[in-house]
Amino acid sequence: MTLDRKDFALIQALQENASRRLEDLAKLVGLAPSSVHDRLRRLERLGVIQGWTIKLDASVLGLGILAFIGISLSRPCSELIDALRPISAIEECHSIAGRLSLLLKVRVRDTASLVDLLERLRKIPGIEQTESTIVLKSQIERPISLKELVGAVKK
């Protein structure tokens, strides 16, 4: 995969504000809007850009609890994913190394909802134990940093 400085500049600009117009992005990188459009589509085809989303404020939407749930399993992770996928409170699910097998990032309304979610998870065959950590305050949240990658890129 070959990315140049203009590709990285476009990605960074979109990470900062994904609602920028093509014309504004074109001025930023010194290309025609049609060329910017072509580059963005190429970045999608390459899998660098995997989707276009918006960031929501969970607390404004009534999801006041962010938690991480570690799970010990008695079955392979791959056998439980289909049971976890329909649970909308799960934002992310990661297979991990160590004493736990899965790590879930979840958002729920309140601690009572978290208890309900934990009970639902524990009913899934193969889930042996859960370990929960409630986030009090997120200190750093940011997109993937491109700084290390940009230095090794051709102009």
N, C-alpha and C. Protein backbone atom coordinates (compact mmCIF):
# COMPACT_ATOMS: atom_id res chain seq x y z
N MET A 1 0.85 -1.17 0.00
CA MET A 1 0.00 0.00 0.00
C MET A 1 0.90 1.24 0.00
N THR A 2 0.66 2.14 -0.91
CA THR A 2 1.45 3.35 -1.02
C THR A 2 0.57 4.56 -0.72
N LEU A 3 0.90 5.23 0.37
CA LEU A 3 0.22 6.47 0.73
C LEU A 3 1.24 7.59 0.72
N ASP A 4 0.82 8.76 0.28
CA ASP A 4 1.74 9.90 0.28
C ASP A 4 1.28 10.94 1.29
N ARG A 5 2.04 12.01 1.37
CA ARG A 5 1.74 13.06 2.37
C ARG A 5 0.34 13.66 2.17
N LYS A 6 -0.10 13.75 0.94
CA LYS A 6 -1.44 14.31 0.68
C LYS A 6 -2.52 13.37 1.22
N ASP A 7 -2.30 12.06 1.07
CA ASP A 7 -3.25 11.10 1.65
C ASP A 7 -3.33 11.28 3.16
N PHE A 8 -2.16 11.36 3.80
CA PHE A 8 -2.14 11.52 5.26
C PHE A 8 -2.76 12.86 5.68
N ALA A 9 -2.52 13.92 4.90
CA ALA A 9 -3.12 15.21 5.22
C ALA A 9 -4.64 15.14 5.13
N LEU A 10 -5.15 14.44 4.11
CA LEU A 10 -6.60 14.27 3.97
C LEU A 10 -7.17 13.48 5.16
N ILE A 11 -6.51 12.39 5.51
CA ILE A 11 -6.98 11.56 6.62
C ILE A 11 -7.01 12.38 7.91
N GLN A 12 -5.92 13.10 8.17
CA GLN A 12 -5.86 13.89 9.40
C GLN A 12 -6.94 14.98 9.42
N ALA A 13 -7.14 15.64 8.29
CA ALA A 13 -8.17 16.68 8.22
C ALA A 13 -9.55 16.09 8.48
N LEU A 14 -9.81 14.90 7.96
CA LEU A 14 -11.11 14.26 8.18
C LEU A 14 -11.25 13.76 9.61
N GLN A 15 -10.15 13.34 10.23
CA GLN A 15 -10.21 12.94 11.64
C GLN A 15 -10.58 14.13 12.52
N GLU A 16 -10.09 15.29 12.16
CA GLU A 16 -10.38 16.50 12.93
C GLU A 16 -11.81 16.98 12.70
N ASN A 17 -12.28 16.86 11.46
CA ASN A 17 -13.63 17.32 11.13
C ASN A 17 -14.08 16.61 9.85
N ALA A 18 -14.81 15.53 10.01
CA ALA A 18 -15.21 14.72 8.86
C ALA A 18 -16.29 15.37 8.01
N SER A 19 -16.81 16.50 8.44
CA SER A 19 -17.86 17.15 7.64
C SER A 19 -17.29 18.23 6.71
N ARG A 20 -15.98 18.27 6.56
CA ARG A 20 -15.38 19.25 5.64
C ARG A 20 -15.82 18.98 4.21
N ARG A 21 -16.01 20.05 3.48
CA ARG A 21 -16.40 19.94 2.07
C ARG A 21 -15.20 19.53 1.23
N LEU A 22 -15.46 18.88 0.09
CA LEU A 22 -14.38 18.49 -0.82
C LEU A 22 -13.55 19.69 -1.24
N GLU A 23 -14.21 20.82 -1.47
CA GLU A 23 -13.50 22.02 -1.90
C GLU A 23 -12.50 22.48 -0.84
N ASP A 24 -12.91 22.40 0.43
CA ASP A 24 -12.01 22.81 1.53
C ASP A 24 -10.84 21.84 1.66
N LEU A 25 -11.12 20.56 1.52
CA LEU A 25 -10.05 19.56 1.57
C LEU A 25 -9.09 19.76 0.39
N ALA A 26 -9.64 20.06 -0.77
CA ALA A 26 -8.81 20.27 -1.96
C ALA A 26 -7.84 21.44 -1.75
N LYS A 27 -8.33 22.54 -1.19
CA LYS A 27 -7.46 23.69 -0.91
C LYS A 27 -6.37 23.31 0.08
N LEU A 28 -6.74 22.53 1.08
CA LEU A 28 -5.80 22.13 2.11
C LEU A 28 -4.61 21.34 1.55
N VAL A 29 -4.86 20.47 0.59
CA VAL A 29 -3.79 19.61 0.06
C VAL A 29 -3.32 20.03 -1.34
N GLY A 30 -3.91 21.07 -1.89
CA GLY A 30 -3.45 21.56 -3.19
C GLY A 30 -3.84 20.68 -4.36
N LEU A 31 -5.05 20.15 -4.32
CA LEU A 31 -5.55 19.31 -5.41
C LEU A 31 -6.93 19.80 -5.84
N ALA A 32 -7.39 19.33 -6.97
CA ALA A 32 -8.75 19.61 -7.42
C ALA A 32 -9.72 18.77 -6.59
N PRO A 33 -10.94 19.26 -6.37
CA PRO A 33 -11.93 18.48 -5.62
C PRO A 33 -12.14 17.08 -6.20
N SER A 34 -12.12 16.95 -7.52
CA SER A 34 -12.30 15.63 -8.13
C SER A 34 -11.15 14.69 -7.77
N SER A 35 -9.95 15.22 -7.66
CA SER A 35 -8.79 14.40 -7.26
C SER A 35 -8.90 13.98 -5.80
N VAL A 36 -9.41 14.88 -4.97
CA VAL A 36 -9.63 14.53 -3.55
C VAL A 36 -10.67 13.42 -3.45
N HIS A 37 -11.74 13.56 -4.21
CA HIS A 37 -12.78 12.52 -4.23
C HIS A 37 -12.19 11.17 -4.64
N ASP A 38 -11.38 11.17 -5.69
CA ASP A 38 -10.75 9.93 -6.15
C ASP A 38 -9.84 9.34 -5.07
N ARG A 39 -9.07 10.17 -4.40
CA ARG A 39 -8.18 9.69 -3.34
C ARG A 39 -8.98 9.09 -2.18
N LEU A 40 -10.05 9.74 -1.80
CA LEU A 40 -10.86 9.22 -0.69
C LEU A 40 -11.47 7.87 -1.06
N ARG A 41 -11.94 7.72 -2.28
CA ARG A 41 -12.49 6.43 -2.72
C ARG A 41 -11.40 5.36 -2.74
N ARG A 42 -10.17 5.74 -3.18
CA ARG A 42 -9.05 4.80 -3.17
C ARG A 42 -8.72 4.38 -1.75
N LEU A 43 -8.72 5.33 -0.81
CA LEU A 43 -8.45 5.00 0.59
C LEU A 43 -9.52 4.06 1.15
N GLU A 44 -10.74 4.20 0.68
CA GLU A 44 -11.80 3.26 1.08
C GLU A 44 -11.54 1.88 0.49
N ARG A 45 -11.22 1.82 -0.80
CA ARG A 45 -10.95 0.53 -1.45
C ARG A 45 -9.78 -0.20 -0.78
N LEU A 46 -8.76 0.56 -0.36
CA LEU A 46 -7.59 -0.04 0.29
C LEU A 46 -7.90 -0.48 1.72
N GLY A 47 -9.03 -0.02 2.27
CA GLY A 47 -9.38 -0.37 3.65
C GLY A 47 -8.78 0.57 4.68
N VAL A 48 -8.11 1.64 4.23
CA VAL A 48 -7.57 2.62 5.17
C VAL A 48 -8.74 3.34 5.85
N ILE A 49 -9.69 3.81 5.04
CA ILE A 49 -10.92 4.37 5.56
C ILE A 49 -11.95 3.25 5.53
N GLN A 50 -12.44 2.87 6.71
CA GLN A 50 -13.35 1.73 6.79
C GLN A 50 -14.82 2.13 6.91
N GLY A 51 -15.08 3.40 6.99
CA GLY A 51 -16.46 3.84 7.07
C GLY A 51 -16.52 5.31 7.44
N TRP A 52 -17.67 5.88 7.26
CA TRP A 52 -17.90 7.28 7.59
C TRP A 52 -18.94 7.31 8.71
N THR A 53 -18.54 7.83 9.87
CA THR A 53 -19.43 7.82 11.02
C THR A 53 -19.49 9.19 11.67
N ILE A 54 -20.37 9.30 12.64
CA ILE A 54 -20.42 10.50 13.46
C ILE A 54 -20.17 10.08 14.91
N LYS A 55 -19.65 10.99 15.69
CA LYS A 55 -19.39 10.70 17.10
C LYS A 55 -20.55 11.26 17.91
N LEU A 56 -21.15 10.41 18.72
CA LEU A 56 -22.30 10.80 19.53
C LEU A 56 -21.86 10.99 20.98
N ASP A 57 -22.53 11.87 21.69
CA ASP A 57 -22.28 12.05 23.12
C ASP A 57 -23.20 11.10 23.86
N ALA A 58 -22.64 10.02 24.37
CA ALA A 58 -23.42 8.97 25.01
C ALA A 58 -24.21 9.48 26.20
N SER A 59 -23.62 10.37 26.99
CA SER A 59 -24.33 10.85 28.18
C SER A 59 -25.55 11.68 27.81
N VAL A 60 -25.47 12.46 26.74
CA VAL A 60 -26.61 13.25 26.28
C VAL A 60 -27.74 12.33 25.83
N LEU A 61 -27.37 11.16 25.30
CA LEU A 61 -28.35 10.19 24.84
C LEU A 61 -28.87 9.29 25.95
N GLY A 62 -28.41 9.53 27.18
CA GLY A 62 -28.90 8.76 28.31
C GLY A 62 -28.10 7.52 28.63
N LEU A 63 -26.94 7.37 28.02
CA LEU A 63 -26.08 6.22 28.31
C LEU A 63 -24.94 6.69 29.20
N GLY A 64 -25.25 6.82 30.49
CA GLY A 64 -24.33 7.44 31.45
C GLY A 64 -23.23 6.56 31.97
N ILE A 65 -23.28 5.26 31.72
CA ILE A 65 -22.28 4.35 32.25
C ILE A 65 -21.47 3.73 31.10
N LEU A 66 -20.16 3.95 31.14
CA LEU A 66 -19.23 3.28 30.25
C LEU A 66 -18.47 2.29 31.11
N ALA A 67 -18.40 1.05 30.67
CA ALA A 67 -17.72 0.01 31.44
C ALA A 67 -16.98 -0.93 30.50
N PHE A 68 -15.98 -1.58 31.08
CA PHE A 68 -15.27 -2.65 30.40
C PHE A 68 -15.56 -3.93 31.16
N ILE A 69 -15.89 -4.97 30.43
CA ILE A 69 -16.21 -6.26 31.05
C ILE A 69 -15.25 -7.31 30.51
N GLY A 70 -14.45 -7.86 31.40
CA GLY A 70 -13.58 -8.97 31.04
C GLY A 70 -14.34 -10.26 31.24
N ILE A 71 -14.15 -11.21 30.34
CA ILE A 71 -14.90 -12.46 30.39
C ILE A 71 -13.96 -13.65 30.31
N SER A 72 -14.17 -14.61 31.23
CA SER A 72 -13.48 -15.90 31.18
C SER A 72 -14.42 -16.89 30.50
N LEU A 73 -13.87 -17.69 29.60
CA LEU A 73 -14.69 -18.61 28.80
C LEU A 73 -14.28 -20.06 29.01
N SER A 74 -15.24 -20.94 28.81
CA SER A 74 -14.96 -22.37 28.80
C SER A 74 -15.06 -22.93 27.37
N ARG A 75 -15.38 -22.04 26.42
CA ARG A 75 -15.49 -22.42 25.01
C ARG A 75 -14.66 -21.44 24.19
N PRO A 76 -14.33 -21.77 22.96
CA PRO A 76 -13.59 -20.82 22.11
C PRO A 76 -14.39 -19.54 21.87
N CYS A 77 -13.66 -18.44 21.79
CA CYS A 77 -14.30 -17.13 21.56
C CYS A 77 -15.22 -17.16 20.35
N SER A 78 -14.77 -17.80 19.28
CA SER A 78 -15.53 -17.81 18.03
C SER A 78 -16.92 -18.42 18.20
N GLU A 79 -17.10 -19.27 19.20
CA GLU A 79 -18.40 -19.90 19.42
C GLU A 79 -19.37 -18.99 20.17
N LEU A 80 -18.87 -17.90 20.75
CA LEU A 80 -19.75 -17.02 21.52
C LEU A 80 -20.09 -15.71 20.82
N ILE A 81 -19.37 -15.39 19.78
CA ILE A 81 -19.56 -14.10 19.11
C ILE A 81 -20.99 -13.92 18.62
N ASP A 82 -21.58 -14.95 18.05
CA ASP A 82 -22.96 -14.83 17.55
C ASP A 82 -23.95 -14.55 18.68
N ALA A 83 -23.66 -15.02 19.90
CA ALA A 83 -24.54 -14.75 21.03
C ALA A 83 -24.35 -13.32 21.55
N LEU A 84 -23.16 -12.75 21.35
CA LEU A 84 -22.88 -11.39 21.83
C LEU A 84 -23.31 -10.32 20.83
N ARG A 85 -23.24 -10.63 19.55
CA ARG A 85 -23.50 -9.64 18.50
C ARG A 85 -24.84 -8.91 18.65
N PRO A 86 -25.94 -9.57 19.02
CA PRO A 86 -27.23 -8.86 19.12
C PRO A 86 -27.36 -7.92 20.34
N ILE A 87 -26.42 -7.97 21.26
CA ILE A 87 -26.52 -7.15 22.47
C ILE A 87 -26.05 -5.74 22.14
N SER A 88 -26.99 -4.82 22.01
CA SER A 88 -26.68 -3.47 21.53
C SER A 88 -25.81 -2.67 22.49
N ALA A 89 -25.78 -3.01 23.74
CA ALA A 89 -24.94 -2.28 24.71
C ALA A 89 -23.46 -2.51 24.46
N ILE A 90 -23.11 -3.57 23.73
CA ILE A 90 -21.70 -3.87 23.46
C ILE A 90 -21.23 -3.02 22.27
N GLU A 91 -20.31 -2.09 22.55
CA GLU A 91 -19.73 -1.27 21.49
C GLU A 91 -18.57 -1.97 20.82
N GLU A 92 -17.77 -2.66 21.61
CA GLU A 92 -16.59 -3.35 21.09
C GLU A 92 -16.43 -4.68 21.81
N CYS A 93 -15.88 -5.66 21.10
CA CYS A 93 -15.59 -6.96 21.68
C CYS A 93 -14.23 -7.39 21.17
N HIS A 94 -13.29 -7.66 22.07
CA HIS A 94 -11.92 -8.00 21.70
C HIS A 94 -11.53 -9.34 22.30
N SER A 95 -10.94 -10.22 21.50
CA SER A 95 -10.30 -11.43 22.02
C SER A 95 -8.95 -10.98 22.57
N ILE A 96 -8.63 -11.39 23.79
CA ILE A 96 -7.40 -10.93 24.42
C ILE A 96 -6.60 -12.10 24.97
N ALA A 97 -5.32 -11.84 25.18
CA ALA A 97 -4.43 -12.84 25.79
C ALA A 97 -4.42 -12.62 27.30
N GLY A 98 -4.19 -13.66 28.03
CA GLY A 98 -4.12 -13.56 29.48
C GLY A 98 -5.18 -14.41 30.14
N ARG A 99 -5.46 -14.11 31.38
CA ARG A 99 -6.39 -14.93 32.15
C ARG A 99 -7.83 -14.76 31.66
N LEU A 100 -8.15 -13.62 31.08
CA LEU A 100 -9.47 -13.39 30.49
C LEU A 100 -9.41 -13.68 28.99
N SER A 101 -10.54 -14.03 28.41
CA SER A 101 -10.58 -14.38 26.99
C SER A 101 -11.13 -13.26 26.11
N LEU A 102 -12.10 -12.52 26.64
CA LEU A 102 -12.73 -11.43 25.90
C LEU A 102 -12.75 -10.17 26.74
N LEU A 103 -12.69 -9.03 26.06
CA LEU A 103 -12.87 -7.75 26.73
C LEU A 103 -13.94 -6.98 25.96
N LEU A 104 -15.01 -6.62 26.67
CA LEU A 104 -16.11 -5.87 26.07
C LEU A 104 -16.08 -4.43 26.52
N LYS A 105 -16.36 -3.53 25.60
CA LYS A 105 -16.60 -2.13 25.95
C LYS A 105 -18.11 -1.95 25.81
N VAL A 106 -18.75 -1.53 26.90
CA VAL A 106 -20.22 -1.42 26.90
C VAL A 106 -20.67 -0.05 27.39
N ARG A 107 -21.84 0.36 26.94
CA ARG A 107 -22.49 1.59 27.43
C ARG A 107 -23.92 1.24 27.79
N VAL A 108 -24.32 1.66 28.99
CA VAL A 108 -25.67 1.42 29.48
C VAL A 108 -26.17 2.68 30.19
N ARG A 109 -27.47 2.70 30.50
CA ARG A 109 -28.08 3.87 31.13
C ARG A 109 -27.57 4.11 32.54
N ASP A 110 -27.52 3.06 33.34
CA ASP A 110 -27.20 3.22 34.76
C ASP A 110 -26.66 1.91 35.31
N THR A 111 -26.33 1.89 36.59
CA THR A 111 -25.75 0.68 37.17
C THR A 111 -26.75 -0.48 37.19
N ALA A 112 -28.03 -0.18 37.33
CA ALA A 112 -29.03 -1.25 37.28
C ALA A 112 -29.02 -1.92 35.90
N SER A 113 -28.85 -1.13 34.86
CA SER A 113 -28.77 -1.68 33.51
C SER A 113 -27.50 -2.51 33.33
N LEU A 114 -26.42 -2.09 33.99
CA LEU A 114 -25.19 -2.86 33.93
C LEU A 114 -25.37 -4.21 34.62
N VAL A 115 -26.05 -4.22 35.75
CA VAL A 115 -26.34 -5.49 36.43
C VAL A 115 -27.17 -6.40 35.53
N ASP A 116 -28.18 -5.84 34.88
CA ASP A 116 -29.01 -6.64 33.96
C ASP A 116 -28.16 -7.21 32.82
N LEU A 117 -27.26 -6.39 32.28
CA LEU A 117 -26.40 -6.84 31.20
C LEU A 117 -25.49 -7.98 31.68
N LEU A 118 -24.91 -7.82 32.86
CA LEU A 118 -24.03 -8.87 33.40
C LEU A 118 -24.79 -10.18 33.60
N GLU A 119 -26.02 -10.08 34.08
CA GLU A 119 -26.84 -11.29 34.26
C GLU A 119 -27.14 -11.95 32.91
N ARG A 120 -27.42 -11.13 31.92
CA ARG A 120 -27.68 -11.66 30.57
C ARG A 120 -26.44 -12.36 30.03
N LEU A 121 -25.27 -11.75 30.22
CA LEU A 121 -24.03 -12.35 29.74
C LEU A 121 -23.76 -13.68 30.43
N ARG A 122 -23.97 -13.73 31.74
CA ARG A 122 -23.67 -14.94 32.51
C ARG A 122 -24.57 -16.11 32.14
N LYS A 123 -25.70 -15.83 31.49
CA LYS A 123 -26.61 -16.90 31.05
C LYS A 123 -26.16 -17.54 29.74
N ILE A 124 -25.20 -16.93 29.06
CA ILE A 124 -24.73 -17.46 27.79
C ILE A 124 -23.82 -18.66 28.06
N PRO A 125 -24.16 -19.81 27.50
CA PRO A 125 -23.33 -21.00 27.72
C PRO A 125 -21.90 -20.77 27.26
N GLY A 126 -20.95 -21.06 28.14
CA GLY A 126 -19.54 -20.87 27.84
C GLY A 126 -18.93 -19.69 28.56
N ILE A 127 -19.76 -18.76 29.02
CA ILE A 127 -19.24 -17.65 29.82
C ILE A 127 -19.19 -18.12 31.27
N GLU A 128 -17.98 -18.19 31.79
CA GLU A 128 -17.77 -18.72 33.14
C GLU A 128 -17.76 -17.62 34.20
N GLN A 129 -17.16 -16.47 33.86
CA GLN A 129 -17.00 -15.42 34.86
C GLN A 129 -16.88 -14.07 34.15
N THR A 130 -17.36 -13.03 34.82
CA THR A 130 -17.20 -11.67 34.29
C THR A 130 -16.49 -10.82 35.34
N GLU A 131 -15.78 -9.83 34.85
CA GLU A 131 -15.07 -8.89 35.72
C GLU A 131 -15.29 -7.50 35.15
N SER A 132 -15.97 -6.64 35.91
CA SER A 132 -16.38 -5.33 35.38
C SER A 132 -15.56 -4.19 35.96
N THR A 133 -15.31 -3.21 35.11
CA THR A 133 -14.66 -1.97 35.52
C THR A 133 -15.49 -0.82 34.98
N ILE A 134 -15.98 0.03 35.87
CA ILE A 134 -16.76 1.19 35.45
C ILE A 134 -15.82 2.37 35.26
N VAL A 135 -15.96 3.06 34.14
CA VAL A 135 -15.13 4.22 33.84
C VAL A 135 -15.72 5.43 34.58
N LEU A 136 -14.90 6.08 35.37
CA LEU A 136 -15.34 7.29 36.07
C LEU A 136 -15.24 8.51 35.17
N LYS A 137 -14.15 8.60 34.41
CA LYS A 137 -13.96 9.72 33.49
C LYS A 137 -12.95 9.30 32.43
N SER A 138 -13.26 9.54 31.18
CA SER A 138 -12.31 9.26 30.10
C SER A 138 -11.34 10.42 30.02
N GLN A 139 -10.06 10.13 30.17
CA GLN A 139 -9.04 11.18 30.20
C GLN A 139 -8.51 11.51 28.81
N ILE A 140 -8.33 10.48 27.98
CA ILE A 140 -7.82 10.68 26.61
C ILE A 140 -8.63 9.80 25.67
N GLU A 141 -9.19 10.41 24.65
CA GLU A 141 -9.86 9.70 23.57
C GLU A 141 -9.45 10.39 22.29
N ARG A 142 -8.86 9.64 21.38
CA ARG A 142 -8.41 10.24 20.13
C ARG A 142 -8.38 9.21 19.01
N PRO A 143 -8.38 9.70 17.77
CA PRO A 143 -8.27 8.78 16.65
C PRO A 143 -6.84 8.27 16.52
N ILE A 144 -6.63 7.34 15.61
CA ILE A 144 -5.30 6.79 15.36
C ILE A 144 -4.34 7.91 14.99
N SER A 145 -3.18 7.93 15.64
CA SER A 145 -2.17 8.95 15.36
C SER A 145 -1.41 8.59 14.09
N LEU A 146 -1.25 9.56 13.23
CA LEU A 146 -0.54 9.34 11.97
C LEU A 146 0.90 9.83 12.04
N LYS A 147 1.33 10.40 13.17
CA LYS A 147 2.64 11.05 13.25
C LYS A 147 3.79 10.10 12.91
N GLU A 148 3.79 8.89 13.44
CA GLU A 148 4.89 7.97 13.17
C GLU A 148 4.89 7.50 11.72
N LEU A 149 3.72 7.42 11.11
CA LEU A 149 3.61 6.93 9.75
C LEU A 149 4.04 7.97 8.72
N VAL A 150 3.77 9.24 8.99
CA VAL A 150 4.01 10.30 8.01
C VAL A 150 5.50 10.43 7.71
N GLY A 151 6.37 10.25 8.69
CA GLY A 151 7.81 10.41 8.47
C GLY A 151 8.38 9.41 7.47
N ALA A 152 7.77 8.28 7.31
CA ALA A 152 8.27 7.22 6.42
C ALA A 152 7.58 7.23 5.06
N VAL A 153 6.88 8.30 4.76
CA VAL A 153 6.09 8.36 3.53
C VAL A 153 6.77 9.21 2.50
N LYS A 154 6.60 8.80 1.23
CA LYS A 154 7.16 9.61 0.14
C LYS A 154 6.33 10.86 -0.07
N LYS A 155 6.92 11.84 -0.67
CA LYS A 155 6.22 13.10 -0.93
C LYS A 155 5.39 12.92 -2.14
